[in-house]
Amino acid sequence: MEIISKGLKKCYIMHSTTTGKYMICKVLNEYDNKKEADDDMVKLLTHEISEKDLLKEFSKKPYF
């Protein structure tokens, strides 16, 4: 199967909580280590980068 991308990559995960609830979460990017992820989370929350910026970076990466 060949994956053809014509825009931003879309990826979602199912997250379960300790209370038995489930959430569908959108993946904005993937990281090789926690520090990189933490740094981008801070930038996202302080409006230094946007979700779209992260998605653009994520879309450049090969499919896993």
N, C-alpha and C. Protein backbone atom coordinates (compact mmCIF):
# COMPACT_ATOMS: atom_id res chain seq x y z
N MET A 1 0.85 -1.18 0.00
CA MET A 1 0.00 0.00 0.00
C MET A 1 0.89 1.24 0.00
N GLU A 2 0.59 2.19 -0.83
CA GLU A 2 1.33 3.44 -0.89
C GLU A 2 0.49 4.54 -0.26
N ILE A 3 1.12 5.31 0.63
CA ILE A 3 0.42 6.42 1.27
C ILE A 3 0.79 7.69 0.52
N ILE A 4 -0.21 8.39 0.04
CA ILE A 4 0.01 9.65 -0.67
C ILE A 4 -0.50 10.77 0.21
N SER A 5 0.38 11.71 0.49
CA SER A 5 0.02 12.83 1.36
C SER A 5 -0.21 14.08 0.51
N LYS A 6 -1.36 14.70 0.74
CA LYS A 6 -1.67 15.95 0.02
C LYS A 6 -1.96 17.06 1.03
N GLY A 7 -1.29 17.03 2.13
CA GLY A 7 -1.52 18.05 3.15
C GLY A 7 -0.91 17.61 4.46
N LEU A 8 -1.50 18.06 5.55
CA LEU A 8 -0.98 17.73 6.86
C LEU A 8 -1.34 16.30 7.24
N LYS A 9 -0.40 15.62 7.86
CA LYS A 9 -0.62 14.25 8.32
C LYS A 9 -1.62 14.29 9.48
N LYS A 10 -2.51 13.29 9.53
CA LYS A 10 -3.47 13.21 10.63
C LYS A 10 -3.23 11.93 11.40
N CYS A 11 -3.15 12.04 12.73
CA CYS A 11 -2.91 10.89 13.57
C CYS A 11 -3.65 11.10 14.89
N TYR A 12 -4.36 10.07 15.33
CA TYR A 12 -5.12 10.13 16.57
C TYR A 12 -4.78 8.91 17.42
N ILE A 13 -4.89 9.06 18.74
CA ILE A 13 -4.71 7.93 19.64
C ILE A 13 -5.89 7.85 20.59
N MET A 14 -6.15 6.67 21.10
CA MET A 14 -7.19 6.47 22.11
C MET A 14 -6.47 6.41 23.46
N HIS A 15 -6.89 7.25 24.38
CA HIS A 15 -6.27 7.33 25.70
C HIS A 15 -7.30 6.92 26.74
N SER A 16 -6.93 5.99 27.61
CA SER A 16 -7.84 5.60 28.68
C SER A 16 -7.35 6.19 30.00
N THR A 17 -8.28 6.59 30.84
CA THR A 17 -7.94 7.19 32.13
C THR A 17 -8.07 6.16 33.23
N THR A 18 -7.59 6.50 34.41
CA THR A 18 -7.69 5.59 35.56
C THR A 18 -9.12 5.49 36.06
N THR A 19 -10.00 6.37 35.61
CA THR A 19 -11.40 6.34 36.03
C THR A 19 -12.29 5.59 35.03
N GLY A 20 -11.67 4.97 34.03
CA GLY A 20 -12.44 4.19 33.07
C GLY A 20 -13.01 4.99 31.91
N LYS A 21 -12.61 6.23 31.77
CA LYS A 21 -13.06 7.06 30.65
C LYS A 21 -12.08 6.94 29.50
N TYR A 22 -12.54 7.26 28.30
CA TYR A 22 -11.69 7.20 27.11
C TYR A 22 -11.73 8.53 26.39
N MET A 23 -10.58 8.91 25.83
CA MET A 23 -10.46 10.16 25.10
C MET A 23 -9.80 9.89 23.76
N ILE A 24 -10.26 10.58 22.73
CA ILE A 24 -9.59 10.56 21.45
C ILE A 24 -8.70 11.79 21.40
N CYS A 25 -7.41 11.58 21.20
CA CYS A 25 -6.44 12.67 21.23
C CYS A 25 -5.76 12.81 19.87
N LYS A 26 -5.61 14.03 19.42
CA LYS A 26 -4.95 14.30 18.15
C LYS A 26 -3.45 14.46 18.39
N VAL A 27 -2.64 13.76 17.60
CA VAL A 27 -1.19 13.86 17.69
C VAL A 27 -0.72 15.06 16.88
N LEU A 28 0.01 15.96 17.50
CA LEU A 28 0.52 17.15 16.81
C LEU A 28 1.93 16.95 16.29
N ASN A 29 2.70 16.10 16.96
CA ASN A 29 4.07 15.84 16.53
C ASN A 29 4.57 14.62 17.28
N GLU A 30 5.69 14.06 16.85
CA GLU A 30 6.34 12.97 17.58
C GLU A 30 7.77 13.38 17.89
N TYR A 31 8.30 12.86 18.98
CA TYR A 31 9.61 13.28 19.47
C TYR A 31 10.46 12.07 19.83
N ASP A 32 11.76 12.26 19.78
CA ASP A 32 12.69 11.21 20.14
C ASP A 32 12.98 11.19 21.64
N ASN A 33 12.67 12.30 22.33
CA ASN A 33 12.91 12.33 23.77
C ASN A 33 11.92 13.27 24.46
N LYS A 34 11.79 13.09 25.76
CA LYS A 34 10.81 13.84 26.54
C LYS A 34 11.15 15.33 26.60
N LYS A 35 12.44 15.68 26.64
CA LYS A 35 12.81 17.10 26.73
C LYS A 35 12.32 17.87 25.51
N GLU A 36 12.49 17.33 24.32
CA GLU A 36 12.00 18.00 23.10
C GLU A 36 10.49 18.17 23.16
N ALA A 37 9.79 17.13 23.60
CA ALA A 37 8.33 17.21 23.72
C ALA A 37 7.92 18.26 24.75
N ASP A 38 8.59 18.26 25.90
CA ASP A 38 8.30 19.25 26.94
C ASP A 38 8.54 20.67 26.44
N ASP A 39 9.66 20.87 25.73
CA ASP A 39 9.98 22.21 25.21
C ASP A 39 8.89 22.70 24.26
N ASP A 40 8.44 21.83 23.35
CA ASP A 40 7.39 22.25 22.41
C ASP A 40 6.05 22.44 23.11
N MET A 41 5.78 21.66 24.16
CA MET A 41 4.53 21.85 24.92
C MET A 41 4.51 23.24 25.55
N VAL A 42 5.65 23.65 26.14
CA VAL A 42 5.75 24.98 26.75
C VAL A 42 5.57 26.05 25.68
N LYS A 43 6.22 25.89 24.53
CA LYS A 43 6.08 26.87 23.45
C LYS A 43 4.65 26.95 22.95
N LEU A 44 3.97 25.80 22.88
CA LEU A 44 2.58 25.78 22.44
C LEU A 44 1.69 26.52 23.44
N LEU A 45 1.88 26.24 24.71
CA LEU A 45 1.05 26.85 25.75
C LEU A 45 1.33 28.33 25.95
N THR A 46 2.52 28.78 25.56
CA THR A 46 2.86 30.21 25.68
C THR A 46 2.72 30.94 24.34
N HIS A 47 2.11 30.26 23.37
CA HIS A 47 1.81 30.83 22.05
C HIS A 47 3.05 31.23 21.24
N GLU A 48 4.19 30.58 21.52
CA GLU A 48 5.39 30.80 20.71
C GLU A 48 5.31 30.02 19.40
N ILE A 49 4.57 28.90 19.42
CA ILE A 49 4.29 28.12 18.22
C ILE A 49 2.82 27.74 18.25
N SER A 50 2.30 27.36 17.10
CA SER A 50 0.89 26.99 17.01
C SER A 50 0.75 25.49 16.74
N GLU A 51 -0.46 24.98 16.88
CA GLU A 51 -0.73 23.59 16.53
C GLU A 51 -0.39 23.35 15.06
N LYS A 52 -0.70 24.32 14.22
CA LYS A 52 -0.41 24.18 12.79
C LYS A 52 1.10 24.07 12.55
N ASP A 53 1.90 24.84 13.29
CA ASP A 53 3.37 24.74 13.17
C ASP A 53 3.83 23.32 13.50
N LEU A 54 3.30 22.75 14.58
CA LEU A 54 3.68 21.40 14.97
C LEU A 54 3.23 20.37 13.93
N LEU A 55 2.02 20.55 13.41
CA LEU A 55 1.51 19.62 12.40
C LEU A 55 2.33 19.68 11.11
N LYS A 56 2.79 20.87 10.76
CA LYS A 56 3.64 21.00 9.57
C LYS A 56 4.93 20.22 9.76
N GLU A 57 5.52 20.32 10.95
CA GLU A 57 6.75 19.59 11.25
C GLU A 57 6.49 18.08 11.24
N PHE A 58 5.37 17.67 11.84
CA PHE A 58 4.99 16.26 11.89
C PHE A 58 4.77 15.69 10.50
N SER A 59 4.19 16.48 9.62
CA SER A 59 3.88 16.03 8.26
C SER A 59 5.13 15.80 7.42
N LYS A 60 6.24 16.40 7.80
CA LYS A 60 7.49 16.21 7.06
C LYS A 60 8.17 14.89 7.41
N LYS A 61 7.78 14.30 8.53
CA LYS A 61 8.41 13.06 8.99
C LYS A 61 7.82 11.86 8.26
N PRO A 62 8.62 10.81 8.11
CA PRO A 62 8.09 9.60 7.46
C PRO A 62 7.03 8.94 8.31
N TYR A 63 6.13 8.19 7.67
CA TYR A 63 5.12 7.46 8.42
C TYR A 63 5.79 6.38 9.24
N PHE A 64 5.26 6.12 10.43
CA PHE A 64 5.88 5.15 11.33
C PHE A 64 5.47 3.75 11.04
